[in-house]
C-alpha atoms as a PDB file:
ATOM      1  CA  UNK A   1       0.052  -0.167  -0.362  1.00  0.00           C
ATOM      2  CA  UNK A   2       1.239   3.631  -0.464  1.00  0.00           C
ATOM      3  CA  UNK A   3       1.383   6.189   2.544  1.00  0.00           C
ATOM      4  CA  UNK A   4      -1.898   7.504   1.261  1.00  0.00           C
ATOM      5  CA  UNK A   5      -3.548   4.226   1.360  1.00  0.00           C
ATOM      6  CA  UNK A   6      -2.249   3.303   4.825  1.00  0.00           C
ATOM      7  CA  UNK A   7      -4.450   6.061   6.460  1.00  0.00           C
ATOM      8  CA  UNK A   8      -8.095   6.257   6.921  1.00  0.00           C
ATOM      9  CA  UNK A   9     -10.335   9.116   8.209  1.00  0.00           C
ATOM     10  CA  UNK A  10     -12.784   7.860  11.272  1.00  0.00           C
ATOM     11  CA  UNK A  11     -15.565  10.396  11.517  1.00  0.00           C
ATOM     12  CA  UNK A  12     -17.171   9.750  15.337  1.00  0.00           C
ATOM     13  CA  UNK A  13     -20.785   9.633  15.469  1.00  0.00           C
ATOM     14  CA  UNK A  14     -21.741   9.079  18.954  1.00  0.00           C
ATOM     15  CA  UNK A  15     -22.850  12.276  19.584  1.00  0.00           C
ATOM     16  CA  UNK A  16     -25.786  11.962  16.668  1.00  0.00           C
ATOM     17  CA  UNK A  17     -26.005   8.421  15.637  1.00  0.00           C
ATOM     18  CA  UNK A  18     -25.057   7.240  19.249  1.00  0.00           C
ATOM     19  CA  UNK A  19     -27.191   9.540  21.419  1.00  0.00           C
ATOM     20  CA  UNK A  20     -30.200   9.547  18.937  1.00  0.00           C
ATOM     21  CA  UNK A  21     -31.557   5.944  20.240  1.00  0.00           C
ATOM     22  CA  UNK A  22     -30.634   6.151  23.779  1.00  0.00           C
ATOM     23  CA  UNK A  23     -33.712   6.407  26.140  1.00  0.00           C
ATOM     24  CA  UNK A  24     -31.845   8.987  28.193  1.00  0.00           C
ATOM     25  CA  UNK A  25     -31.301  12.537  26.924  1.00  0.00           C
ATOM     26  CA  UNK A  26     -27.689  13.451  27.227  1.00  0.00           C
ATOM     27  CA  UNK A  27     -26.923  16.850  28.395  1.00  0.00           C
ATOM     28  CA  UNK A  28     -25.050  19.363  26.281  1.00  0.00           C
ATOM     29  CA  UNK A  29     -22.144  19.567  28.997  1.00  0.00           C
ATOM     30  CA  UNK A  30     -21.683  16.074  29.040  1.00  0.00           C
ATOM     31  CA  UNK A  31     -21.485  16.308  25.053  1.00  0.00           C
ATOM     32  CA  UNK A  32     -19.017  18.976  24.980  1.00  0.00           C
ATOM     33  CA  UNK A  33     -17.020  17.234  27.490  1.00  0.00           C
ATOM     34  CA  UNK A  34     -16.870  13.900  25.442  1.00  0.00           C
ATOM     35  CA  UNK A  35     -16.610  16.129  22.166  1.00  0.00           C
ATOM     36  CA  UNK A  36     -13.306  17.958  23.931  1.00  0.00           C
ATOM     37  CA  UNK A  37     -12.069  14.322  24.889  1.00  0.00           C
ATOM     38  CA  UNK A  38     -12.566  12.770  21.158  1.00  0.00           C
ATOM     39  CA  UNK A  39     -10.528  15.519  20.045  1.00  0.00           C
ATOM     40  CA  UNK A  40      -8.265  15.305  22.295  1.00  0.00           C
ATOM     41  CA  UNK A  41      -7.837  11.210  21.255  1.00  0.00           C
ATOM     42  CA  UNK A  42      -6.900  12.493  17.973  1.00  0.00           C
ATOM     43  CA  UNK A  43     -10.508  12.402  16.066  1.00  0.00           C
ATOM     44  CA  UNK A  44     -10.322  15.229  13.497  1.00  0.00           C
ATOM     45  CA  UNK A  45     -14.142  14.490  12.458  1.00  0.00           C
ATOM     46  CA  UNK A  46     -17.255  14.592  14.450  1.00  0.00           C
ATOM     47  CA  UNK A  47     -20.974  14.168  13.809  1.00  0.00           C
ATOM     48  CA  UNK A  48     -22.456  16.259  16.460  1.00  0.00           C
ATOM     49  CA  UNK A  49     -26.054  16.315  15.807  1.00  0.00           C
ATOM     50  CA  UNK A  50     -29.200  16.351  13.613  1.00  0.00           C
ATOM     51  CA  UNK A  51     -31.185  19.501  12.411  1.00  0.00           C
ATOM     52  CA  UNK A  52     -34.522  17.432  12.852  1.00  0.00           C
ATOM     53  CA  UNK A  53     -37.629  18.452  14.546  1.00  0.00           C
ATOM     54  CA  UNK A  54     -37.167  18.087  18.612  1.00  0.00           C
ATOM     55  CA  UNK A  55     -40.665  16.190  18.897  1.00  0.00           C
ATOM     56  CA  UNK A  56     -39.391  13.660  16.613  1.00  0.00           C
ATOM     57  CA  UNK A  57     -35.816  12.939  17.797  1.00  0.00           C
ATOM     58  CA  UNK A  58     -35.617  14.838  21.398  1.00  0.00           C
ATOM     59  CA  UNK A  59     -31.897  13.640  21.910  1.00  0.00           C
ATOM     60  CA  UNK A  60     -30.906  15.966  19.215  1.00  0.00           C
ATOM     61  CA  UNK A  61     -32.714  19.022  20.398  1.00  0.00           C
ATOM     62  CA  UNK A  62     -29.581  20.844  21.558  1.00  0.00           C
ATOM     63  CA  UNK A  63     -27.625  20.589  18.073  1.00  0.00           C
ATOM     64  CA  UNK A  64     -27.898  24.203  17.544  1.00  0.00           C
ATOM     65  CA  UNK A  65     -26.489  24.938  20.884  1.00  0.00           C
ATOM     66  CA  UNK A  66     -23.669  22.368  20.365  1.00  0.00           C
ATOM     67  CA  UNK A  67     -22.591  23.982  16.893  1.00  0.00           C
ATOM     68  CA  UNK A  68     -22.385  27.530  18.681  1.00  0.00           C
ATOM     69  CA  UNK A  69     -20.183  26.203  21.759  1.00  0.00           C
ATOM     70  CA  UNK A  70     -18.250  23.532  20.619  1.00  0.00           C
ATOM     71  CA  UNK A  71     -14.717  25.313  19.428  1.00  0.00           C
ATOM     72  CA  UNK A  72     -12.343  22.353  18.723  1.00  0.00           C
ATOM     73  CA  UNK A  73      -9.965  24.260  16.258  1.00  0.00           C
ATOM     74  CA  UNK A  74      -9.862  24.574  12.900  1.00  0.00           C
ATOM     75  CA  UNK A  75      -8.345  21.211  12.189  1.00  0.00           C
ATOM     76  CA  UNK A  76     -11.352  19.398  13.321  1.00  0.00           C
ATOM     77  CA  UNK A  77     -14.478  19.151  11.154  1.00  0.00           C
ATOM     78  CA  UNK A  78     -18.153  19.233  12.940  1.00  0.00           C
ATOM     79  CA  UNK A  79     -20.847  17.607  10.840  1.00  0.00           C
ATOM     80  CA  UNK A  80     -24.684  17.813  11.677  1.00  0.00           C
ATOM     81  CA  UNK A  81     -27.574  16.062   9.484  1.00  0.00           C
ATOM     82  CA  UNK A  82     -30.033  18.096   7.503  1.00  0.00           C
ATOM     83  CA  UNK A  83     -33.105  16.574   5.974  1.00  0.00           C
ATOM     84  CA  UNK A  84     -34.611  19.483   4.253  1.00  0.00           C
ATOM     85  CA  UNK A  85     -34.761  23.270   3.737  1.00  0.00           C
ATOM     86  CA  UNK A  86     -35.800  23.994   7.006  1.00  0.00           C
ATOM     87  CA  UNK A  87     -32.946  22.132   8.678  1.00  0.00           C
ATOM     88  CA  UNK A  88     -30.501  23.606   6.385  1.00  0.00           C
ATOM     89  CA  UNK A  89     -31.773  27.152   7.429  1.00  0.00           C
ATOM     90  CA  UNK A  90     -31.177  26.197  11.196  1.00  0.00           C
ATOM     91  CA  UNK A  91     -27.639  24.887  10.370  1.00  0.00           C
ATOM     92  CA  UNK A  92     -26.683  28.208   8.637  1.00  0.00           C
ATOM     93  CA  UNK A  93     -28.160  30.312  11.283  1.00  0.00           C
ATOM     94  CA  UNK A  94     -26.307  28.116  13.975  1.00  0.00           C
ATOM     95  CA  UNK A  95     -22.986  28.904  11.959  1.00  0.00           C
ATOM     96  CA  UNK A  96     -22.581  25.129  10.828  1.00  0.00           C
ATOM     97  CA  UNK A  97     -19.644  24.706   8.224  1.00  0.00           C
ATOM     98  CA  UNK A  98     -20.215  20.994   7.524  1.00  0.00           C
ATOM     99  CA  UNK A  99     -23.509  19.331   6.719  1.00  0.00           C
ATOM    100  CA  UNK A 100     -24.423  16.015   5.753  1.00  0.00           C
ATOM    101  CA  UNK A 101     -27.527  15.511   3.451  1.00  0.00           C
ATOM    102  CA  UNK A 102     -29.248  12.068   4.317  1.00  0.00           C
ATOM    103  CA  UNK A 103     -31.887  10.157   2.070  1.00  0.00           C
ATOM    104  CA  UNK A 104     -32.741   6.572   2.045  1.00  0.00           C
ATOM    105  CA  UNK A 105     -32.212   4.331  -0.945  1.00  0.00           C
ATOM    106  CA  UNK A 106     -35.459   2.624  -0.160  1.00  0.00           C
ATOM    107  CA  UNK A 107     -38.980   4.069  -0.347  1.00  0.00           C
ATOM    108  CA  UNK A 108     -40.082   2.187   2.721  1.00  0.00           C
ATOM    109  CA  UNK A 109     -37.182   3.251   4.967  1.00  0.00           C
ATOM    110  CA  UNK A 110     -37.896   6.782   3.534  1.00  0.00           C
ATOM    111  CA  UNK A 111     -41.514   6.713   4.336  1.00  0.00           C
ATOM    112  CA  UNK A 112     -40.498   5.611   7.849  1.00  0.00           C
ATOM    113  CA  UNK A 113     -37.784   8.172   8.582  1.00  0.00           C
ATOM    114  CA  UNK A 114     -38.717  11.295   6.426  1.00  0.00           C
ATOM    115  CA  UNK A 115     -42.418  10.659   6.089  1.00  0.00           C
ATOM    116  CA  UNK A 116     -42.297  10.822   2.211  1.00  0.00           C
ATOM    117  CA  UNK A 117     -40.779   8.439  -0.641  1.00  0.00           C
ATOM    118  CA  UNK A 118     -37.164   8.544  -1.771  1.00  0.00           C
ATOM    119  CA  UNK A 119     -37.904  10.669  -4.782  1.00  0.00           C
ATOM    120  CA  UNK A 120     -39.950  13.252  -2.572  1.00  0.00           C
ATOM    121  CA  UNK A 121     -37.097  13.503  -0.162  1.00  0.00           C
ATOM    122  CA  UNK A 122     -34.345  14.034  -2.921  1.00  0.00           C
ATOM    123  CA  UNK A 123     -36.803  16.924  -3.829  1.00  0.00           C
ATOM    124  CA  UNK A 124     -36.867  18.591  -0.846  1.00  0.00           C
ATOM    125  CA  UNK A 125     -33.436  18.309  -0.280  1.00  0.00           C
ATOM    126  CA  UNK A 126     -32.405  20.175  -3.807  1.00  0.00           C
ATOM    127  CA  UNK A 127     -33.742  23.559  -1.923  1.00  0.00           C
ATOM    128  CA  UNK A 128     -31.842  22.789   0.931  1.00  0.00           C
ATOM    129  CA  UNK A 129     -28.480  21.930  -0.809  1.00  0.00           C
ATOM    130  CA  UNK A 130     -28.771  25.502  -2.785  1.00  0.00           C
ATOM    131  CA  UNK A 131     -29.283  27.306   0.575  1.00  0.00           C
ATOM    132  CA  UNK A 132     -26.200  25.599   1.960  1.00  0.00           C
ATOM    133  CA  UNK A 133     -24.264  26.148  -0.983  1.00  0.00           C
ATOM    134  CA  UNK A 134     -25.119  29.789  -1.332  1.00  0.00           C
ATOM    135  CA  UNK A 135     -23.760  29.945   2.404  1.00  0.00           C
ATOM    136  CA  UNK A 136     -20.708  28.455   1.425  1.00  0.00           C
ATOM    137  CA  UNK A 137     -21.266  25.212   3.822  1.00  0.00           C
ATOM    138  CA  UNK A 138     -19.728  22.013   2.897  1.00  0.00           C
ATOM    139  CA  UNK A 139     -21.895  19.366   1.871  1.00  0.00           C
ATOM    140  CA  UNK A 140     -21.962  15.907   1.932  1.00  0.00           C
ATOM    141  CA  UNK A 141     -24.508  13.143   1.755  1.00  0.00           C
ATOM    142  CA  UNK A 142     -25.227   9.718   3.131  1.00  0.00           C
ATOM    143  CA  UNK A 143     -27.381   7.237   1.442  1.00  0.00           C
ATOM    144  CA  UNK A 144     -29.288   5.167   4.319  1.00  0.00           C
ATOM    145  CA  UNK A 145     -30.163   1.327   3.570  1.00  0.00           C
ATOM    146  CA  UNK A 146     -27.736   1.483   0.962  1.00  0.00           C
ATOM    147  CA  UNK A 147     -27.287  -2.387   1.039  1.00  0.00           C
ATOM    148  CA  UNK A 148     -30.639  -3.674   2.818  1.00  0.00           C
ATOM    149  CA  UNK A 149     -33.826  -2.238   4.025  1.00  0.00           C
ATOM    150  CA  UNK A 150     -35.624  -3.557   6.990  1.00  0.00           C
ATOM    151  CA  UNK A 151     -39.073  -3.215   5.033  1.00  0.00           C
ATOM    152  CA  UNK A 152     -38.015  -3.803   1.164  1.00  0.00           C
ATOM    153  CA  UNK A 153     -35.301  -6.229   1.539  1.00  0.00           C
ATOM    154  CA  UNK A 154     -31.908  -5.957  -0.171  1.00  0.00           C
ATOM    155  CA  UNK A 155     -31.374  -2.799  -2.084  1.00  0.00           C
ATOM    156  CA  UNK A 156     -30.345  -2.967  -5.741  1.00  0.00           C
ATOM    157  CA  UNK A 157     -27.047  -1.353  -6.407  1.00  0.00           C
ATOM    158  CA  UNK A 158     -28.591   0.447  -9.495  1.00  0.00           C
ATOM    159  CA  UNK A 159     -30.986   2.096  -7.080  1.00  0.00           C
ATOM    160  CA  UNK A 160     -28.272   3.457  -4.904  1.00  0.00           C
ATOM    161  CA  UNK A 161     -26.384   4.982  -8.314  1.00  0.00           C
ATOM    162  CA  UNK A 162     -29.493   6.576  -9.414  1.00  0.00           C
ATOM    163  CA  UNK A 163     -29.608   8.056  -5.766  1.00  0.00           C
ATOM    164  CA  UNK A 164     -26.057   9.025  -5.900  1.00  0.00           C
ATOM    165  CA  UNK A 165     -26.722  10.809  -9.394  1.00  0.00           C
ATOM    166  CA  UNK A 166     -29.387  12.872  -7.940  1.00  0.00           C
ATOM    167  CA  UNK A 167     -27.065  13.554  -5.033  1.00  0.00           C
ATOM    168  CA  UNK A 168     -23.712  14.747  -7.137  1.00  0.00           C
ATOM    169  CA  UNK A 169     -26.076  17.396  -8.864  1.00  0.00           C
ATOM    170  CA  UNK A 170     -26.419  18.927  -5.221  1.00  0.00           C
ATOM    171  CA  UNK A 171     -22.258  19.527  -5.209  1.00  0.00           C
ATOM    172  CA  UNK A 172     -21.928  17.107  -2.440  1.00  0.00           C
ATOM    173  CA  UNK A 173     -18.018  16.625  -1.768  1.00  0.00           C
ATOM    174  CA  UNK A 174     -18.516  13.118  -0.343  1.00  0.00           C
ATOM    175  CA  UNK A 175     -20.800  10.506  -0.418  1.00  0.00           C
ATOM    176  CA  UNK A 176     -21.199   7.857   2.428  1.00  0.00           C
ATOM    177  CA  UNK A 177     -23.224   4.348   1.823  1.00  0.00           C
ATOM    178  CA  UNK A 178     -25.007   3.262   5.061  1.00  0.00           C
ATOM    179  CA  UNK A 179     -25.546  -0.136   6.174  1.00  0.00           C
ATOM    180  CA  UNK A 180     -28.606   1.278   8.426  1.00  0.00           C
ATOM    181  CA  UNK A 181     -29.827  -1.972  10.117  1.00  0.00           C
ATOM    182  CA  UNK A 182     -26.397  -3.864  10.114  1.00  0.00           C
ATOM    183  CA  UNK A 183     -27.544  -6.746   7.775  1.00  0.00           C
ATOM    184  CA  UNK A 184     -24.932  -6.352   4.912  1.00  0.00           C
ATOM    185  CA  UNK A 185     -22.323  -8.937   4.172  1.00  0.00           C
ATOM    186  CA  UNK A 186     -18.662  -8.502   2.472  1.00  0.00           C
ATOM    187  CA  UNK A 187     -20.492  -9.402  -0.527  1.00  0.00           C
ATOM    188  CA  UNK A 188     -23.287  -6.497  -0.589  1.00  0.00           C
ATOM    189  CA  UNK A 189     -20.367  -4.341   0.288  1.00  0.00           C
ATOM    190  CA  UNK A 190     -18.390  -5.303  -2.661  1.00  0.00           C
ATOM    191  CA  UNK A 191     -21.328  -5.347  -4.964  1.00  0.00           C
ATOM    192  CA  UNK A 192     -22.455  -1.760  -4.088  1.00  0.00           C
ATOM    193  CA  UNK A 193     -19.248   0.161  -3.644  1.00  0.00           C
ATOM    194  CA  UNK A 194     -18.023  -1.409  -6.982  1.00  0.00           C
ATOM    195  CA  UNK A 195     -21.446  -0.053  -8.932  1.00  0.00           C
ATOM    196  CA  UNK A 196     -21.227   3.332  -7.351  1.00  0.00           C
ATOM    197  CA  UNK A 197     -17.428   3.579  -7.836  1.00  0.00           C
ATOM    198  CA  UNK A 198     -17.811   2.569 -11.552  1.00  0.00           C
ATOM    199  CA  UNK A 199     -20.653   5.033 -11.978  1.00  0.00           C
ATOM    200  CA  UNK A 200     -18.611   7.944 -10.197  1.00  0.00           C
ATOM    201  CA  UNK A 201     -14.991   7.110 -10.107  1.00  0.00           C
ATOM    202  CA  UNK A 202     -13.783  10.418  -8.996  1.00  0.00           C
ATOM    203  CA  UNK A 203     -16.332  10.651  -6.294  1.00  0.00           C
ATOM    204  CA  UNK A 204     -15.068  10.023  -2.758  1.00  0.00           C
ATOM    205  CA  UNK A 205     -16.898   7.191  -0.668  1.00  0.00           C
ATOM    206  CA  UNK A 206     -17.242   6.421   2.732  1.00  0.00           C
ATOM    207  CA  UNK A 207     -18.915   3.693   4.817  1.00  0.00           C
ATOM    208  CA  UNK A 208     -21.392   4.143   7.462  1.00  0.00           C
ATOM    209  CA  UNK A 209     -21.658   0.626   9.375  1.00  0.00           C
ATOM    210  CA  UNK A 210     -24.199  -1.115  11.783  1.00  0.00           C
ATOM    211  CA  UNK A 211     -23.368  -4.186  13.870  1.00  0.00           C
ATOM    212  CA  UNK A 212     -26.462  -6.159  14.446  1.00  0.00           C
ATOM    213  CA  UNK A 213     -25.151  -9.282  13.077  1.00  0.00           C
ATOM    214  CA  UNK A 214     -21.758  -8.950  13.839  1.00  0.00           C
ATOM    215  CA  UNK A 215     -20.563  -8.324  10.093  1.00  0.00           C
ATOM    216  CA  UNK A 216     -19.036  -4.592  10.738  1.00  0.00           C
ATOM    217  CA  UNK A 217     -15.683  -5.566  10.992  1.00  0.00           C
ATOM    218  CA  UNK A 218     -15.728  -7.666   8.323  1.00  0.00           C
ATOM    219  CA  UNK A 219     -17.480  -5.034   5.997  1.00  0.00           C
ATOM    220  CA  UNK A 220     -14.958  -2.716   6.954  1.00  0.00           C
ATOM    221  CA  UNK A 221     -11.944  -5.035   5.896  1.00  0.00           C
ATOM    222  CA  UNK A 222     -13.772  -5.862   2.714  1.00  0.00           C
ATOM    223  CA  UNK A 223     -14.410  -1.650   2.288  1.00  0.00           C
ATOM    224  CA  UNK A 224     -10.547  -1.211   2.995  1.00  0.00           C
ATOM    225  CA  UNK A 225      -9.777  -4.001   0.261  1.00  0.00           C
ATOM    226  CA  UNK A 226     -11.903  -1.663  -2.132  1.00  0.00           C
ATOM    227  CA  UNK A 227     -10.025   1.497  -1.205  1.00  0.00           C
ATOM    228  CA  UNK A 228     -12.471   2.906   1.126  1.00  0.00           C
ATOM    229  CA  UNK A 229     -10.639   5.337   3.161  1.00  0.00           C
ATOM    230  CA  UNK A 230     -13.798   7.170   5.345  1.00  0.00           C
ATOM    231  CA  UNK A 231     -15.567   5.400   8.119  1.00  0.00           C
ATOM    232  CA  UNK A 232     -18.034   6.207  10.650  1.00  0.00           C
ATOM    233  CA  UNK A 233     -17.643   4.756  14.067  1.00  0.00           C
ATOM    234  CA  UNK A 234     -19.265   5.007  17.276  1.00  0.00           C
ATOM    235  CA  UNK A 235     -17.243   4.997  20.785  1.00  0.00           C
ATOM    236  CA  UNK A 236     -18.298   1.609  22.509  1.00  0.00           C
ATOM    237  CA  UNK A 237     -20.583   0.746  19.669  1.00  0.00           C
ATOM    238  CA  UNK A 238     -23.461   2.645  20.717  1.00  0.00           C
ATOM    239  CA  UNK A 239     -26.155   3.707  18.309  1.00  0.00           C
ATOM    240  CA  UNK A 240     -28.800   2.720  15.904  1.00  0.00           C
ATOM    241  CA  UNK A 241     -31.582   4.200  14.041  1.00  0.00           C
ATOM    242  CA  UNK A 242     -34.923   4.607  15.912  1.00  0.00           C
ATOM    243  CA  UNK A 243     -36.994   4.409  12.339  1.00  0.00           C
ATOM    244  CA  UNK A 244     -35.235   1.064  11.798  1.00  0.00           C
ATOM    245  CA  UNK A 245     -36.747  -1.783  13.286  1.00  0.00           C
ATOM    246  CA  UNK A 246     -34.089  -4.162  14.810  1.00  0.00           C
ATOM    247  CA  UNK A 247     -30.858  -1.943  13.999  1.00  0.00           C
ATOM    248  CA  UNK A 248     -28.478  -1.993  16.409  1.00  0.00           C
ATOM    249  CA  UNK A 249     -25.157  -0.284  17.443  1.00  0.00           C
ATOM    250  CA  UNK A 250     -22.644   1.243  14.870  1.00  0.00           C
ATOM    251  CA  UNK A 251     -19.618  -0.364  14.346  1.00  0.00           C
ATOM    252  CA  UNK A 252     -17.293   0.584  17.524  1.00  0.00           C
ATOM    253  CA  UNK A 253     -14.643   3.372  17.370  1.00  0.00           C
ATOM    254  CA  UNK A 254     -12.495   1.296  19.805  1.00  0.00           C
ATOM    255  CA  UNK A 255     -12.668  -1.772  17.350  1.00  0.00           C
ATOM    256  CA  UNK A 256     -12.343  -0.181  14.279  1.00  0.00           C
ATOM    257  CA  UNK A 257      -9.042   1.422  15.427  1.00  0.00           C
ATOM    258  CA  UNK A 258      -7.795  -1.822  16.586  1.00  0.00           C
ATOM    259  CA  UNK A 259      -8.444  -3.597  13.360  1.00  0.00           C
ATOM    260  CA  UNK A 260      -6.434  -0.784  11.374  1.00  0.00           C
ATOM    261  CA  UNK A 261      -3.852  -0.426  14.013  1.00  0.00           C
ATOM    262  CA  UNK A 262      -3.428  -4.442  13.695  1.00  0.00           C
ATOM    263  CA  UNK A 263      -2.746  -4.340   9.927  1.00  0.00           C
ATOM    264  CA  UNK A 264      -0.657  -1.199   9.797  1.00  0.00           C
ATOM    265  CA  UNK A 265      -3.266   1.392   8.775  1.00  0.00           C
ATOM    266  CA  UNK A 266      -2.959   4.873  10.643  1.00  0.00           C
ATOM    267  CA  UNK A 267      -5.996   6.612  12.163  1.00  0.00           C
ATOM    268  CA  UNK A 268      -4.274   9.441  14.002  1.00  0.00           C
ATOM    269  CA  UNK A 269      -5.938   8.108  17.159  1.00  0.00           C
ATOM    270  CA  UNK A 270      -4.715   7.325  20.523  1.00  0.00           C
ATOM    271  CA  UNK A 271      -6.185   4.078  21.563  1.00  0.00           C
ATOM    272  CA  UNK A 272      -5.429   4.588  25.233  1.00  0.00           C
ATOM    273  CA  UNK A 273      -7.413   7.812  25.391  1.00  0.00           C
ATOM    274  CA  UNK A 274     -10.086   5.851  23.919  1.00  0.00           C
ATOM    275  CA  UNK A 275     -10.123   3.465  26.687  1.00  0.00           C
ATOM    276  CA  UNK A 276     -10.811   6.353  29.172  1.00  0.00           C
ATOM    277  CA  UNK A 277     -13.371   7.807  27.340  1.00  0.00           C
ATOM    278  CA  UNK A 278     -15.026   4.706  27.145  1.00  0.00           C
ATOM    279  CA  UNK A 279     -15.109   4.312  30.942  1.00  0.00           C
ATOM    280  CA  UNK A 280     -16.739   7.591  31.103  1.00  0.00           C
ATOM    281  CA  UNK A 281     -19.302   7.109  28.505  1.00  0.00           C
ATOM    282  CA  UNK A 282     -20.423   3.557  30.004  1.00  0.00           C
ATOM    283  CA  UNK A 283     -20.563   5.581  33.662  1.00  0.00           C
ATOM    284  CA  UNK A 284     -22.763   8.283  31.670  1.00  0.00           C
ATOM    285  CA  UNK A 285     -24.943   5.725  30.269  1.00  0.00           C
ATOM    286  CA  UNK A 286     -25.378   3.468  33.155  1.00  0.00           C
ATOM    287  CA  UNK A 287     -24.762   0.136  31.199  1.00  0.00           C
ATOM    288  CA  UNK A 288     -22.551  -2.472  29.270  1.00  0.00           C
ATOM    289  CA  UNK A 289     -21.352  -0.959  26.039  1.00  0.00           C
ATOM    290  CA  UNK A 290     -21.661  -2.944  23.007  1.00  0.00           C
ATOM    291  CA  UNK A 291     -17.698  -2.770  21.664  1.00  0.00           C
ATOM    292  CA  UNK A 292     -15.869  -6.088  21.862  1.00  0.00           C
ATOM    293  CA  UNK A 293     -12.761  -4.060  23.814  1.00  0.00           C
ATOM    294  CA  UNK A 294     -15.186  -2.982  26.127  1.00  0.00           C
ATOM    295  CA  UNK A 295     -15.567  -6.541  27.468  1.00  0.00           C
ATOM    296  CA  UNK A 296     -11.874  -7.191  27.942  1.00  0.00           C
ATOM    297  CA  UNK A 297      -9.851  -6.242  31.242  1.00  0.00           C
ATOM    298  CA  UNK A 298      -7.116  -4.733  29.607  1.00  0.00           C
ATOM    299  CA  UNK A 299      -5.801  -3.097  26.489  1.00  0.00           C
ATOM    300  CA  UNK A 300      -3.678  -5.233  24.248  1.00  0.00           C
ATOM    301  CA  UNK A 301      -0.404  -4.135  23.499  1.00  0.00           C
ATOM    302  CA  UNK A 302      -0.741  -3.899  19.731  1.00  0.00           C
ATOM    303  CA  UNK A 303      -3.514  -1.548  20.305  1.00  0.00           C
ATOM    304  CA  UNK A 304      -1.607   1.026  22.251  1.00  0.00           C
ATOM    305  CA  UNK A 305       0.494   1.705  18.704  1.00  0.00           C
ATOM    306  CA  UNK A 306      -0.442   4.305  16.597  1.00  0.00           C
ATOM    307  CA  UNK A 307       0.285   1.880  13.481  1.00  0.00           C
ATOM    308  CA  UNK A 308       2.138  -1.635  13.702  1.00  0.00           C
ATOM    309  CA  UNK A 309       5.825  -1.041  13.115  1.00  0.00           C
ATOM    310  CA  UNK A 310       7.990  -2.847  10.505  1.00  0.00           C
ATOM    311  CA  UNK A 311       5.003  -4.663   9.030  1.00  0.00           C
ATOM    312  CA  UNK A 312       4.709  -5.600   5.485  1.00  0.00           C
ATOM    313  CA  UNK A 313       1.215  -6.477   4.837  1.00  0.00           C
ATOM    314  CA  UNK A 314       0.092  -6.808   1.214  1.00  0.00           C
ATOM    315  CA  UNK A 315      -3.631  -6.216   0.848  1.00  0.00           C
ATOM    316  CA  UNK A 316      -5.594  -8.907  -1.010  1.00  0.00           C
ATOM    317  CA  UNK A 317      -6.898  -8.309  -4.409  1.00  0.00           C
END
């Protein structure tokens, strides 16, 4: 692998995707404290909230305040989710500089999540994208249920390509493909990523994985083999979609860092600091976390290194 291929960008989604499904409302002060700790651990990309109606997702009601109060430095990108023009306007008014538009590839999930079909959701995202572009806000996009939908079953890669084609017309900088319910396998990852990359070879791609059936690490490995270098993850494996029946937590940041560091792929993240933050998170939520590493009593020696030294590792073709 080239030096560039030995680096990945992990976006920490604990504050948004992690907390949105928790029964408790995590205070703004606790979110800020955790965000500061994550940045101190080396995270340079955080997803901090969602501009959605607070009655729909009350855990995200303080997103405006988080955007205004978090000041992690110029090298850290704070992302927020936007579903429509109203959300885009709130993002701009709060001072957001990085926004992700989100739309479901499948109609079933789109109706459950956004209340309208996929095409209708795309149509109402267009004015949101125009508003964000005028405000010079960086725009990325996430395609939910890009692999499997809890209502419609497997998602045809051509459907994902068609949705991506609409989104590229909005001027997006990155496209993220989401395994919203954690039901994808490495076969699904290869099939859909290959189709999207073939259609848009210059468009940077990212992956948003859930671990419902224990396949998230295998899917991350397959994505790495395919050249994906952007991954979403949540500390301790916390998270899930409240509008996708059966969806479990995200791929855990600590587990993903462990995987990448073992094969000599740099993340820029300090695993030891993640351990301390994970203990803090466990105490805050008052329950056991879902990451594999949270269940073991000590951090493996290899995990303490930023990368594995003197390792020659040939990525399988």
